[in-house]
Structures are given as C-alpha cells and as structure tokens.
C-alpha cells in the first residue's frame, strides 16, 4: 500500500479496499512508485523539481477527474494537478500526495465558422496551434510550443498575439471545471460568473479546468517572423534600437529581445557559438509585405551575424524558442513587469549579461503593451494592465552542483533591475520559494481579496492548495 500524505501533513488511513475501489472506478492508469511508468510520469520540465507523489492518477477524461477529486476529498489527500508540467515552480507535482495528471487529455475541436476552439486541459500549445491553423486561425497562446495550455491560461498567458488581443485568459469563451466537491460546472460570462472571473488568471486555486474554449482570430498560416542576432559587444546599440523599434511598432508586430551566450544553433555561424550575442525575435501577423517594411531598419542596424526573419508558417514561429527550453534542465527564473524601457535598464541588462555563467541562461524582454491595457485592472485577476514589457531572467543549467551560482546570478540581476519595475509580476513566472508578497504583486490587493472570497465559496477546505496560493 502506498503511504499517501494528507493536507494536514499526516498519512492517510487507506485500506487496500479503498485503493482498489478507486482503481475500479477509474478508466485511466493509477500509478504507484513500483509501476514502470511512474518515474517518467512524475518528472516534469524543470529538473529542479524532484518530488515523489504517493499516487499518480492519469485521467482519460472528465469522469476520471471527478473520480480522482472524490477520492482525494474523501481521504483528505494532498493534491496537485498536472497539465503540461511546464510550470517553473513545479506546481504539478506534490510530495507524497495524489497527482491528478491530465496530460493524456489532448483533444481539440475547432469551430471555424464561429471562430472558437475547445481544447482539453492536457493539450500543449502545439496541439491547439496545429488544429486551428488548418483553418488559418489561432488562439492567443504563449511562446514555447511544449507549454501546457492549462497552466498558461489560468495564470493569465501572453504570447505573440497579446499585443493584438490581450492576455490569453481575456480570450476565453468558457471553461469546464471540476470543483472541490466533485461537481462539473460550466464557467462563462453567463454561468458561474464569479468562478469564470477567478479562473482567468487566479491559477489552480478554485477547481480543475478540464477544457477551455478559446476565441480564435485570423492568423497565418504564413506570417513574417524569425530572429536577427548581433555580437555581444553590440548589445547596447541593439537594446537602444529595440526601445525605439518596439515603442513605435503596430500591434501586429511583437518583438522579444534576448541577451545570452550563442548556442550551437544551425542558424548562427559557428564562429559565434559560445560567445555573447544580442538577438531580436520578431513576429508580424499582419500583411507580410507590411512586416518586411517594418523590420527593414533592424536589418540595417550595425553588422548582424545572422538574420532568419522570413515568411514562415505560424506554427513554426510558435516553436522557434523551443530549443532554448528543453525538458530536463535545471531552471530558476526571476521576473518583473516593466513600463517604458530605459537607458538605465539597458545598462543593467548588459552588465548582468556579461556575468552569465551558463551557456543556457538569458535575459529576455517580452513586448506585451497593447490590447491588454484597454481593460480595467479588475477585469480579471490577471491584472497589471499597465505593463508594457515582461523582463524574465532565465537561469538554466545542467548540474546540481551549480545551483547556488546560477540562482545567485538570477537574484542579483532581479534586485538590480527592481527600480525599473512597475512593482507587478507574472504569476506563471514565480519560482517555488516566492510567496505571499509576490502573489500580491501579481494580482493587486483588491483582486486578491476578491479571489479569497471566491476561494471560500468553491473550495472552503482548501483542497487545491498546491498552487501559488490564494488564502481561504
């Protein structure tokens, strides 16, 4: 019999009959530590997270999710929920409890006439993009195709289309939710409106979303996108140009600035591999010809060492950053929301980029200003609608013995750039140790108080607590 941890830190009083009864009513696999698939299933994207659930319930559909919640509730088990398993804090995996695994639930159904798509909670961005691009449509999703849609969406979500359409969660039509009392509810603008509000940025605190219905927009299938790279010594010039370029760009054009050590990527010349670079990633989802004219000044900036901005499938653009985020590395991030960029921030970024000690780490600026700023701060928990950019300090490395050095680099850069921040932060980028003060920075006090009231209504016993936690 597995020893399962309860929400109060004790051990569940489970009999063999209790476990067998759960397995009998569950269609998917129920994995214990002795099952061959257990080790691979418990591992998630960030190798810093090394927790061992007492049981893993691999759901095949909503009924399995209901059964798992009933089992957890009956025995007061510690619960975590896995969608794509891509969260930096490793919220998908709990120590000793029940991991409810949705990763096999990956169906996508597109209504091309109504321009909506319903996707199950185990889907990755690639799953949704693949189906919607068949019709030249796209949902507002993130930047790395292996990211799970569930965590991305309930935490807010932003990507190449956010300047046009806002946060990912701003573009939700409805959700199917299994609540803490194992009820299946539809949450939308007309049903369970308070739950719908809370789940648009409030994380996994209120229930398990089993499917998402997204509004779609005409995008692709061909866009103008790619990257231009320069040598590291040109970083100041590149960042200055990025400030001016991004501030003037129309909403169809989103750009991302990256300072890092050049990886051995085939699009970069071999002589630059292992040396500092500055790169700008651009994605233009309007007319390709308009994008070409907008990007032209960047191509004339200094002496680029590589330029792969070209007509390409939107799905290819969505996976262009995938190689920088492989599963199994050790990751530690720190982030800020920013208003306007500044020369001060440029200098700080260049200085801390020069101290990068891992070939995988980077300082990244994501451009997001646009549509999200047209809604009020209380429109959803994913507030911070005064943000124009996201600064993400992404430490990434291979060996546990390097943990202290890499984490310290990220923390130093974070503290140095704090004066440039709006004071807000993106909840999906919060690391394991970041607690109540940073959660408050992600939501704002008024939204946080409203979330707490909704939490008391839908999950008064705090079953869904293995999250960036909203207090009951």
Protein backbone atom coordinates (compact mmCIF):
# COMPACT_ATOMS: atom_id res chain seq x y z
CA UNK A 1 0.00 0.00 0.00
CA UNK A 2 1.31 3.48 -0.87
CA UNK A 3 1.71 5.93 2.00
CA UNK A 4 -0.33 8.95 0.95
CA UNK A 5 0.12 12.36 2.54
CA UNK A 6 -2.92 14.30 3.73
CA UNK A 7 -3.50 18.04 3.53
CA UNK A 8 -2.55 18.43 7.19
CA UNK A 9 0.81 16.69 6.66
CA UNK A 10 -0.23 13.35 8.11
CA UNK A 11 -0.63 9.94 6.49
CA UNK A 12 -3.96 8.85 5.02
CA UNK A 13 -5.71 5.90 6.65
CA UNK A 14 -6.21 3.96 3.43
CA UNK A 15 -7.10 0.29 3.22
CA UNK A 16 -6.35 -1.96 0.24
CA UNK A 17 -10.10 -1.97 -0.41
CA UNK A 18 -10.17 1.83 -0.59
CA UNK A 19 -7.44 1.84 -3.21
CA UNK A 20 -9.00 -0.98 -5.20
CA UNK A 21 -12.37 0.76 -5.18
CA UNK A 22 -10.75 3.89 -6.62
CA UNK A 23 -8.94 1.93 -9.31
CA UNK A 24 -12.09 0.05 -10.28
CA UNK A 25 -14.00 3.25 -10.97
CA UNK A 26 -11.10 4.94 -12.77
CA UNK A 27 -10.59 4.36 -16.51
CA UNK A 28 -7.00 5.65 -16.71
CA UNK A 29 -3.89 4.26 -15.06
CA UNK A 30 -3.27 4.68 -11.34
CA UNK A 31 0.48 4.59 -10.80
CA UNK A 32 2.40 3.85 -7.63
CA UNK A 33 6.15 4.11 -7.11
CA UNK A 34 6.64 0.49 -8.21
CA UNK A 35 4.94 0.97 -11.59
CA UNK A 36 7.29 1.12 -14.61
CA UNK A 37 5.71 4.35 -15.87
CA UNK A 38 5.88 6.15 -12.52
CA UNK A 39 9.36 7.68 -12.79
CA UNK A 40 8.86 9.18 -16.22
CA UNK A 41 5.36 10.42 -15.38
CA UNK A 42 6.41 12.25 -12.22
CA UNK A 43 9.24 14.09 -13.99
CA UNK A 44 8.37 17.49 -15.31
CA UNK A 45 10.10 20.13 -17.41
CA UNK A 46 12.15 21.71 -14.60
CA UNK A 47 14.69 19.21 -13.23
CA UNK A 48 14.99 21.36 -10.09
CA UNK A 49 11.67 19.80 -9.04
CA UNK A 50 12.23 16.28 -7.73
CA UNK A 51 9.10 15.38 -5.78
CA UNK A 52 7.57 11.91 -5.47
CA UNK A 53 3.77 11.68 -5.36
CA UNK A 54 2.26 8.82 -3.40
CA UNK A 55 -0.02 8.06 -6.35
CA UNK A 56 -0.45 9.39 -9.88
CA UNK A 57 -3.94 9.27 -11.39
CA UNK A 58 -3.61 9.51 -15.19
CA UNK A 59 -7.00 10.80 -16.30
CA UNK A 60 -8.55 9.96 -19.66
CA UNK A 61 -11.43 12.41 -19.38
CA UNK A 62 -13.63 14.47 -17.11
CA UNK A 63 -15.17 11.45 -15.37
CA UNK A 64 -11.71 10.34 -14.24
CA UNK A 65 -11.05 13.82 -12.88
CA UNK A 66 -14.30 13.67 -10.90
CA UNK A 67 -13.35 10.25 -9.52
CA UNK A 68 -9.91 11.47 -8.50
CA UNK A 69 -11.31 14.55 -6.75
CA UNK A 70 -13.86 12.41 -4.87
CA UNK A 71 -11.10 10.05 -3.73
CA UNK A 72 -8.87 12.93 -2.64
CA UNK A 73 -11.70 14.68 -0.83
CA UNK A 74 -12.86 11.54 0.98
CA UNK A 75 -9.37 10.82 2.32
CA UNK A 76 -8.28 14.48 2.70
CA UNK A 77 -5.29 13.91 0.43
CA UNK A 78 -2.74 16.48 -0.61
CA UNK A 79 -3.44 17.10 -4.31
CA UNK A 80 -1.52 18.52 -7.23
CA UNK A 81 -2.72 18.86 -10.82
CA UNK A 82 -0.58 18.31 -13.89
CA UNK A 83 -1.45 19.71 -17.29
CA UNK A 84 1.66 20.25 -19.40
CA UNK A 85 4.06 20.09 -16.44
CA UNK A 86 5.88 23.20 -17.68
CA UNK A 87 5.47 25.49 -14.66
CA UNK A 88 8.74 26.88 -13.29
CA UNK A 89 7.67 26.28 -9.65
CA UNK A 90 6.73 22.65 -10.31
CA UNK A 91 3.18 23.03 -9.04
CA UNK A 92 2.19 19.90 -11.00
CA UNK A 93 3.95 17.55 -8.57
CA UNK A 94 3.28 17.20 -4.85
CA UNK A 95 5.39 15.27 -2.36
CA UNK A 96 3.61 12.15 -1.12
CA UNK A 97 0.12 13.16 -2.23
CA UNK A 98 -2.10 12.44 -5.23
CA UNK A 99 -1.01 13.90 -8.56
CA UNK A 100 -4.02 14.24 -10.86
CA UNK A 101 -2.44 14.00 -14.30
CA UNK A 102 -4.37 15.49 -17.24
CA UNK A 103 -1.59 15.14 -19.80
CA UNK A 104 -3.36 12.38 -21.75
CA UNK A 105 -6.42 14.61 -22.29
CA UNK A 106 -5.38 16.29 -25.54
CA UNK A 107 -8.44 16.59 -27.76
CA UNK A 108 -9.04 19.80 -29.76
CA UNK A 109 -12.27 20.67 -31.56
CA UNK A 110 -12.39 23.71 -33.85
CA UNK A 111 -15.47 25.65 -34.99
CA UNK A 112 -14.01 27.60 -37.92
CA UNK A 113 -17.27 29.44 -38.61
CA UNK A 114 -17.80 30.56 -35.03
CA UNK A 115 -14.03 31.04 -34.66
CA UNK A 116 -13.73 29.09 -31.42
CA UNK A 117 -11.77 26.06 -30.31
CA UNK A 118 -12.36 23.78 -27.35
CA UNK A 119 -9.24 22.07 -26.05
CA UNK A 120 -8.80 19.57 -23.25
CA UNK A 121 -6.57 20.56 -20.37
CA UNK A 122 -3.68 18.24 -21.22
CA UNK A 123 -3.05 19.99 -24.53
CA UNK A 124 0.15 21.82 -25.29
CA UNK A 125 0.28 24.99 -27.34
CA UNK A 126 1.42 22.90 -30.30
CA UNK A 127 -1.72 20.74 -30.10
CA UNK A 128 -4.01 23.75 -30.33
CA UNK A 129 -1.98 25.60 -32.96
CA UNK A 130 -1.84 22.53 -35.18
CA UNK A 131 -5.62 22.16 -35.30
CA UNK A 132 -6.56 25.84 -35.53
CA UNK A 133 -4.01 26.62 -38.24
CA UNK A 134 -5.79 24.18 -40.53
CA UNK A 135 -8.35 26.99 -40.85
CA UNK A 136 -5.91 29.92 -40.77
CA UNK A 137 -6.96 30.77 -37.23
CA UNK A 138 -5.16 30.92 -33.89
CA UNK A 139 -5.79 31.26 -30.18
CA UNK A 140 -3.81 33.74 -28.06
CA UNK A 141 -1.20 31.44 -26.53
CA UNK A 142 2.44 31.56 -25.39
CA UNK A 143 5.93 31.42 -26.92
CA UNK A 144 7.08 27.80 -26.36
CA UNK A 145 5.04 25.10 -28.06
CA UNK A 146 5.62 22.46 -25.35
CA UNK A 147 3.92 24.65 -22.74
CA UNK A 148 0.62 23.29 -21.42
CA UNK A 149 -2.43 25.42 -22.16
CA UNK A 150 -3.97 24.86 -18.72
CA UNK A 151 -1.32 26.47 -16.52
CA UNK A 152 -0.66 29.16 -19.12
CA UNK A 153 -4.32 30.16 -19.30
CA UNK A 154 -5.37 30.08 -15.64
CA UNK A 155 -2.24 32.11 -14.84
CA UNK A 156 -3.01 34.78 -17.46
CA UNK A 157 -0.92 33.88 -20.51
CA UNK A 158 0.80 36.03 -23.12
CA UNK A 159 2.45 35.49 -26.47
CA UNK A 160 2.92 36.88 -29.97
CA UNK A 161 -0.80 37.78 -30.28
CA UNK A 162 -1.17 39.52 -26.93
CA UNK A 163 -0.50 42.98 -28.29
CA UNK A 164 -3.50 42.49 -30.57
CA UNK A 165 -5.86 40.65 -28.23
CA UNK A 166 -4.66 40.85 -24.60
CA UNK A 167 -3.90 38.12 -22.11
CA UNK A 168 -4.71 34.54 -23.09
CA UNK A 169 -7.39 34.49 -20.40
CA UNK A 170 -9.03 37.61 -21.89
CA UNK A 171 -9.89 35.44 -24.88
CA UNK A 172 -11.66 32.63 -23.06
CA UNK A 173 -15.27 31.92 -24.01
CA UNK A 174 -15.93 29.23 -21.41
CA UNK A 175 -14.38 26.51 -19.26
CA UNK A 176 -15.49 23.15 -17.92
CA UNK A 177 -14.46 22.90 -14.27
CA UNK A 178 -14.44 20.12 -11.69
CA UNK A 179 -14.85 21.80 -8.32
CA UNK A 180 -13.61 20.65 -4.91
CA UNK A 181 -16.94 18.94 -4.19
CA UNK A 182 -16.57 16.95 -7.46
CA UNK A 183 -19.25 18.89 -9.32
CA UNK A 184 -18.83 19.63 -13.03
CA UNK A 185 -19.62 23.26 -13.82
CA UNK A 186 -19.55 25.42 -16.89
CA UNK A 187 -17.92 28.77 -16.21
CA UNK A 188 -18.56 31.61 -18.66
CA UNK A 189 -19.91 35.15 -18.80
CA UNK A 190 -23.46 33.86 -18.13
CA UNK A 191 -22.91 30.87 -15.85
CA UNK A 192 -20.93 30.81 -12.62
CA UNK A 193 -19.59 34.23 -13.49
CA UNK A 194 -17.58 34.57 -10.30
CA UNK A 195 -15.74 31.32 -10.98
CA UNK A 196 -15.15 32.40 -14.57
CA UNK A 197 -13.65 35.64 -13.30
CA UNK A 198 -11.38 33.86 -10.80
CA UNK A 199 -10.04 31.31 -13.26
CA UNK A 200 -8.95 34.00 -15.72
CA UNK A 201 -5.60 34.50 -14.03
CA UNK A 202 -6.21 33.23 -10.49
CA UNK A 203 -4.42 29.94 -11.06
CA UNK A 204 -5.48 26.47 -9.98
CA UNK A 205 -6.95 27.56 -6.65
CA UNK A 206 -10.63 27.09 -7.46
CA UNK A 207 -11.01 23.79 -9.27
CA UNK A 208 -9.61 21.66 -12.07
CA UNK A 209 -10.35 23.03 -15.52
CA UNK A 210 -10.82 20.06 -17.83
CA UNK A 211 -11.36 22.01 -21.05
CA UNK A 212 -11.01 25.54 -22.37
CA UNK A 213 -13.00 27.25 -25.11
CA UNK A 214 -10.96 29.96 -26.82
CA UNK A 215 -11.89 32.76 -29.19
CA UNK A 216 -9.89 32.40 -32.41
CA UNK A 217 -8.53 35.06 -34.75
CA UNK A 218 -7.42 35.04 -38.39
CA UNK A 219 -3.66 34.40 -38.29
CA UNK A 220 -1.38 32.76 -40.82
CA UNK A 221 -0.93 30.10 -41.90
CA UNK A 222 2.05 32.16 -43.14
CA UNK A 223 3.47 35.10 -41.21
CA UNK A 224 6.70 37.09 -41.21
CA UNK A 225 8.89 36.06 -38.33
CA UNK A 226 12.27 34.93 -37.11
CA UNK A 227 15.33 36.41 -35.44
CA UNK A 228 18.25 38.75 -36.08
CA UNK A 229 21.42 38.39 -33.99
CA UNK A 230 24.42 40.63 -33.31
CA UNK A 231 27.66 40.15 -31.40
CA UNK A 232 27.53 40.79 -27.68
CA UNK A 233 29.63 43.93 -27.93
CA UNK A 234 26.76 45.49 -29.89
CA UNK A 235 24.23 44.86 -27.09
CA UNK A 236 23.83 48.50 -26.05
CA UNK A 237 23.16 49.58 -29.62
CA UNK A 238 20.70 46.71 -30.11
CA UNK A 239 18.80 47.46 -26.90
CA UNK A 240 18.56 51.15 -27.75
CA UNK A 241 17.20 50.23 -31.18
CA UNK A 242 14.79 47.77 -29.55
CA UNK A 243 13.45 50.51 -27.27
CA UNK A 244 12.67 52.74 -30.22
CA UNK A 245 11.52 49.98 -32.56
CA UNK A 246 9.14 48.28 -30.11
CA UNK A 247 7.63 51.55 -28.86
CA UNK A 248 6.65 52.55 -32.41
CA UNK A 249 5.56 49.13 -33.68
CA UNK A 250 1.92 48.48 -34.59
CA UNK A 251 0.11 45.75 -32.66
CA UNK A 252 0.52 43.24 -35.45
CA UNK A 253 4.24 43.23 -34.67
CA UNK A 254 5.60 41.73 -31.45
CA UNK A 255 9.29 41.59 -30.63
CA UNK A 256 11.42 39.90 -27.99
CA UNK A 257 14.96 40.93 -27.02
CA UNK A 258 17.42 38.33 -25.74
CA UNK A 259 20.93 38.65 -24.28
CA UNK A 260 22.74 35.32 -23.89
CA UNK A 261 25.65 33.17 -24.98
CA UNK A 262 25.18 31.92 -28.53
CA UNK A 263 24.03 28.28 -28.61
CA UNK A 264 25.27 25.86 -31.30
CA UNK A 265 22.15 26.54 -33.34
CA UNK A 266 22.36 25.92 -37.10
CA UNK A 267 21.10 29.43 -37.88
CA UNK A 268 24.06 31.01 -36.07
CA UNK A 269 27.55 30.91 -37.65
CA UNK A 270 29.94 28.51 -35.95
CA UNK A 271 32.44 31.25 -35.13
CA UNK A 272 29.85 32.91 -32.84
CA UNK A 273 28.93 29.74 -30.92
CA UNK A 274 29.78 30.06 -27.23
CA UNK A 275 30.17 33.84 -27.45
CA UNK A 276 27.83 36.57 -26.16
CA UNK A 277 25.09 37.72 -28.53
CA UNK A 278 22.12 40.06 -28.59
CA UNK A 279 19.13 38.83 -30.58
CA UNK A 280 15.73 40.20 -31.51
CA UNK A 281 12.88 37.81 -32.29
CA UNK A 282 10.05 39.35 -34.31
CA UNK A 283 6.62 38.11 -35.32
CA UNK A 284 4.37 40.11 -37.65
CA UNK A 285 0.88 38.67 -38.08
CA UNK A 286 -0.49 41.28 -40.46
CA UNK A 287 0.29 41.53 -44.17
CA UNK A 288 3.72 40.05 -44.81
CA UNK A 289 4.68 42.98 -47.03
CA UNK A 290 3.93 45.43 -44.21
CA UNK A 291 6.09 43.36 -41.88
CA UNK A 292 9.00 43.43 -44.29
CA UNK A 293 8.92 47.24 -44.37
CA UNK A 294 8.74 47.47 -40.56
CA UNK A 295 11.64 45.09 -39.97
CA UNK A 296 13.89 46.65 -42.63
CA UNK A 297 15.54 49.18 -40.23
CA UNK A 298 16.63 46.38 -37.91
CA UNK A 299 18.40 44.66 -40.76
CA UNK A 300 20.44 47.79 -41.33
CA UNK A 301 21.48 48.08 -37.70
CA UNK A 302 25.22 47.53 -37.26
CA UNK A 303 26.54 44.23 -38.59
CA UNK A 304 24.17 41.35 -37.81
CA UNK A 305 25.79 37.92 -37.59
CA UNK A 306 22.56 36.14 -38.53
CA UNK A 307 19.16 37.03 -39.97
CA UNK A 308 16.41 34.40 -40.29
CA UNK A 309 13.41 36.73 -40.44
CA UNK A 310 11.38 35.34 -43.31
CA UNK A 311 7.97 34.15 -44.41
CA UNK A 312 7.25 31.04 -42.38
CA UNK A 313 4.30 29.03 -41.02
CA UNK A 314 2.86 30.47 -37.83
CA UNK A 315 3.27 27.05 -36.18
CA UNK A 316 7.00 27.23 -36.92
CA UNK A 317 7.22 30.66 -35.29
CA UNK A 318 5.44 29.27 -32.25
CA UNK A 319 8.17 26.66 -31.81
CA UNK A 320 11.19 28.84 -32.65
CA UNK A 321 12.17 29.25 -28.97
CA UNK A 322 11.58 25.59 -28.05
CA UNK A 323 15.23 24.62 -28.26
CA UNK A 324 16.06 27.12 -25.51
CA UNK A 325 13.71 25.40 -23.04
CA UNK A 326 14.21 21.60 -23.24
CA UNK A 327 12.75 19.31 -20.61
CA UNK A 328 15.23 18.07 -18.03
CA UNK A 329 17.45 21.09 -17.47
CA UNK A 330 17.55 22.95 -14.18
CA UNK A 331 15.66 26.24 -14.31
CA UNK A 332 15.33 29.22 -11.99
CA UNK A 333 13.59 32.41 -13.09
CA UNK A 334 13.01 35.88 -11.70
CA UNK A 335 10.81 38.44 -13.42
CA UNK A 336 9.33 41.93 -13.38
CA UNK A 337 6.66 43.77 -15.29
CA UNK A 338 8.06 46.95 -16.84
CA UNK A 339 6.62 50.19 -18.14
CA UNK A 340 8.63 52.06 -20.74
CA UNK A 341 12.16 50.77 -21.32
CA UNK A 342 15.07 52.99 -20.34
CA UNK A 343 18.79 53.52 -20.83
CA UNK A 344 19.23 52.57 -17.17
CA UNK A 345 17.68 49.16 -17.81
CA UNK A 346 19.84 48.71 -20.92
CA UNK A 347 22.99 49.25 -18.85
CA UNK A 348 21.87 46.87 -16.12
CA UNK A 349 20.94 44.18 -18.63
CA UNK A 350 24.29 44.45 -20.42
CA UNK A 351 26.20 44.33 -17.13
CA UNK A 352 24.41 41.24 -15.86
CA UNK A 353 24.51 39.52 -19.24
CA UNK A 354 28.29 39.81 -19.03
CA UNK A 355 28.14 37.74 -15.82
CA UNK A 356 26.17 34.86 -17.30
CA UNK A 357 27.97 31.69 -16.25
CA UNK A 358 25.83 29.11 -18.07
CA UNK A 359 25.55 28.72 -21.85
CA UNK A 360 21.79 28.25 -21.42
CA UNK A 361 20.90 31.31 -19.31
CA UNK A 362 19.46 34.53 -20.73
CA UNK A 363 17.97 37.93 -20.04
CA UNK A 364 14.72 38.26 -22.00
CA UNK A 365 12.40 41.19 -22.70
CA UNK A 366 8.91 40.33 -23.98
CA UNK A 367 6.85 43.10 -25.54
CA UNK A 368 3.17 42.99 -24.46
CA UNK A 369 1.73 46.53 -24.49
CA UNK A 370 -1.45 47.00 -26.47
CA UNK A 371 -4.89 45.45 -26.10
CA UNK A 372 -4.43 44.23 -22.53
CA UNK A 373 -4.13 47.85 -21.38
CA UNK A 374 -7.61 48.70 -22.71
CA UNK A 375 -9.38 46.72 -19.96
CA UNK A 376 -9.71 47.78 -16.34
CA UNK A 377 -7.49 46.33 -13.60
CA UNK A 378 -10.46 44.44 -12.16
CA UNK A 379 -11.49 42.83 -15.45
CA UNK A 380 -9.73 39.64 -14.35
CA UNK A 381 -7.19 38.56 -11.72
CA UNK A 382 -4.57 38.77 -14.48
CA UNK A 383 -4.27 42.50 -13.93
CA UNK A 384 -1.06 44.52 -14.24
CA UNK A 385 -2.57 46.13 -17.30
CA UNK A 386 -0.10 48.98 -17.03
CA UNK A 387 2.70 46.61 -18.10
CA UNK A 388 4.38 47.20 -21.45
CA UNK A 389 7.09 44.54 -21.19
CA UNK A 390 7.99 41.46 -19.18
CA UNK A 391 11.59 41.10 -18.03
CA UNK A 392 12.41 37.44 -17.45
CA UNK A 393 15.80 36.49 -16.02
CA UNK A 394 16.13 32.85 -17.02
CA UNK A 395 18.88 30.92 -15.30
CA UNK A 396 19.28 27.48 -16.87
CA UNK A 397 21.99 24.88 -16.33
CA UNK A 398 22.74 21.16 -16.20
CA UNK A 399 24.40 20.13 -12.91
CA UNK A 400 23.05 20.33 -9.32
CA UNK A 401 26.46 21.46 -8.04
CA UNK A 402 25.98 24.69 -10.00
CA UNK A 403 22.66 25.55 -8.33
CA UNK A 404 23.94 28.18 -5.91
CA UNK A 405 25.93 30.11 -8.53
CA UNK A 406 23.16 30.14 -11.10
CA UNK A 407 20.42 31.09 -8.64
CA UNK A 408 22.53 33.90 -7.23
CA UNK A 409 23.12 35.32 -10.71
CA UNK A 410 19.37 35.49 -11.34
CA UNK A 411 18.66 37.02 -7.94
CA UNK A 412 21.37 39.65 -8.36
CA UNK A 413 20.00 40.70 -11.75
CA UNK A 414 16.47 40.76 -10.35
CA UNK A 415 17.41 43.02 -7.44
CA UNK A 416 19.45 45.34 -9.64
CA UNK A 417 16.55 45.82 -12.06
CA UNK A 418 13.84 46.16 -9.38
CA UNK A 419 13.82 50.02 -9.63
CA UNK A 420 12.79 49.68 -13.30
CA UNK A 421 9.76 47.53 -12.46
CA UNK A 422 6.13 48.60 -12.21
CA UNK A 423 6.06 46.59 -8.98
CA UNK A 424 3.99 43.87 -10.61
CA UNK A 425 4.93 40.37 -11.67
CA UNK A 426 3.57 37.48 -13.75
CA UNK A 427 2.28 34.66 -11.56
CA UNK A 428 3.33 31.93 -14.00
CA UNK A 429 6.97 33.04 -13.73
CA UNK A 430 7.10 32.85 -9.92
CA UNK A 431 9.56 30.28 -8.62
CA UNK A 432 8.99 27.77 -5.84
CA UNK A 433 10.09 29.95 -2.93
CA UNK A 434 8.23 33.12 -3.95
CA UNK A 435 5.29 33.56 -1.61
CA UNK A 436 2.53 35.90 -0.46
CA UNK A 437 4.20 39.23 -1.28
CA UNK A 438 4.92 38.23 -4.86
CA UNK A 439 1.46 36.70 -5.30
CA UNK A 440 0.03 40.03 -4.15
CA UNK A 441 2.26 41.79 -6.70
CA UNK A 442 0.83 39.54 -9.42
CA UNK A 443 -2.83 40.26 -8.58
CA UNK A 444 -3.04 43.52 -6.67
CA UNK A 445 -4.70 43.74 -3.26
CA UNK A 446 -8.28 44.33 -4.45
CA UNK A 447 -8.20 41.39 -6.85
CA UNK A 448 -6.53 39.20 -4.23
CA UNK A 449 -9.29 39.93 -1.70
CA UNK A 450 -11.94 39.08 -4.28
CA UNK A 451 -10.12 35.84 -5.13
CA UNK A 452 -10.06 34.88 -1.47
CA UNK A 453 -13.85 35.30 -1.21
CA UNK A 454 -14.39 33.13 -4.30
CA UNK A 455 -11.96 30.55 -2.91
CA UNK A 456 -14.05 30.31 0.26
CA UNK A 457 -17.15 29.69 -1.83
CA UNK A 458 -15.80 26.99 -4.16
CA UNK A 459 -13.01 25.38 -2.10
CA UNK A 460 -13.56 26.20 1.59
CA UNK A 461 -11.42 23.25 2.74
CA UNK A 462 -8.51 24.33 0.53
CA UNK A 463 -8.23 21.05 -1.37
CA UNK A 464 -6.50 22.86 -4.24
CA UNK A 465 -3.64 24.31 -2.25
CA UNK A 466 -0.62 23.07 -4.24
CA UNK A 467 -0.68 26.33 -6.18
CA UNK A 468 0.50 29.89 -5.97
CA UNK A 469 -1.90 30.03 -3.12
CA UNK A 470 -4.89 32.28 -2.54
CA UNK A 471 -5.83 32.13 1.15
CA UNK A 472 -9.21 30.77 2.21
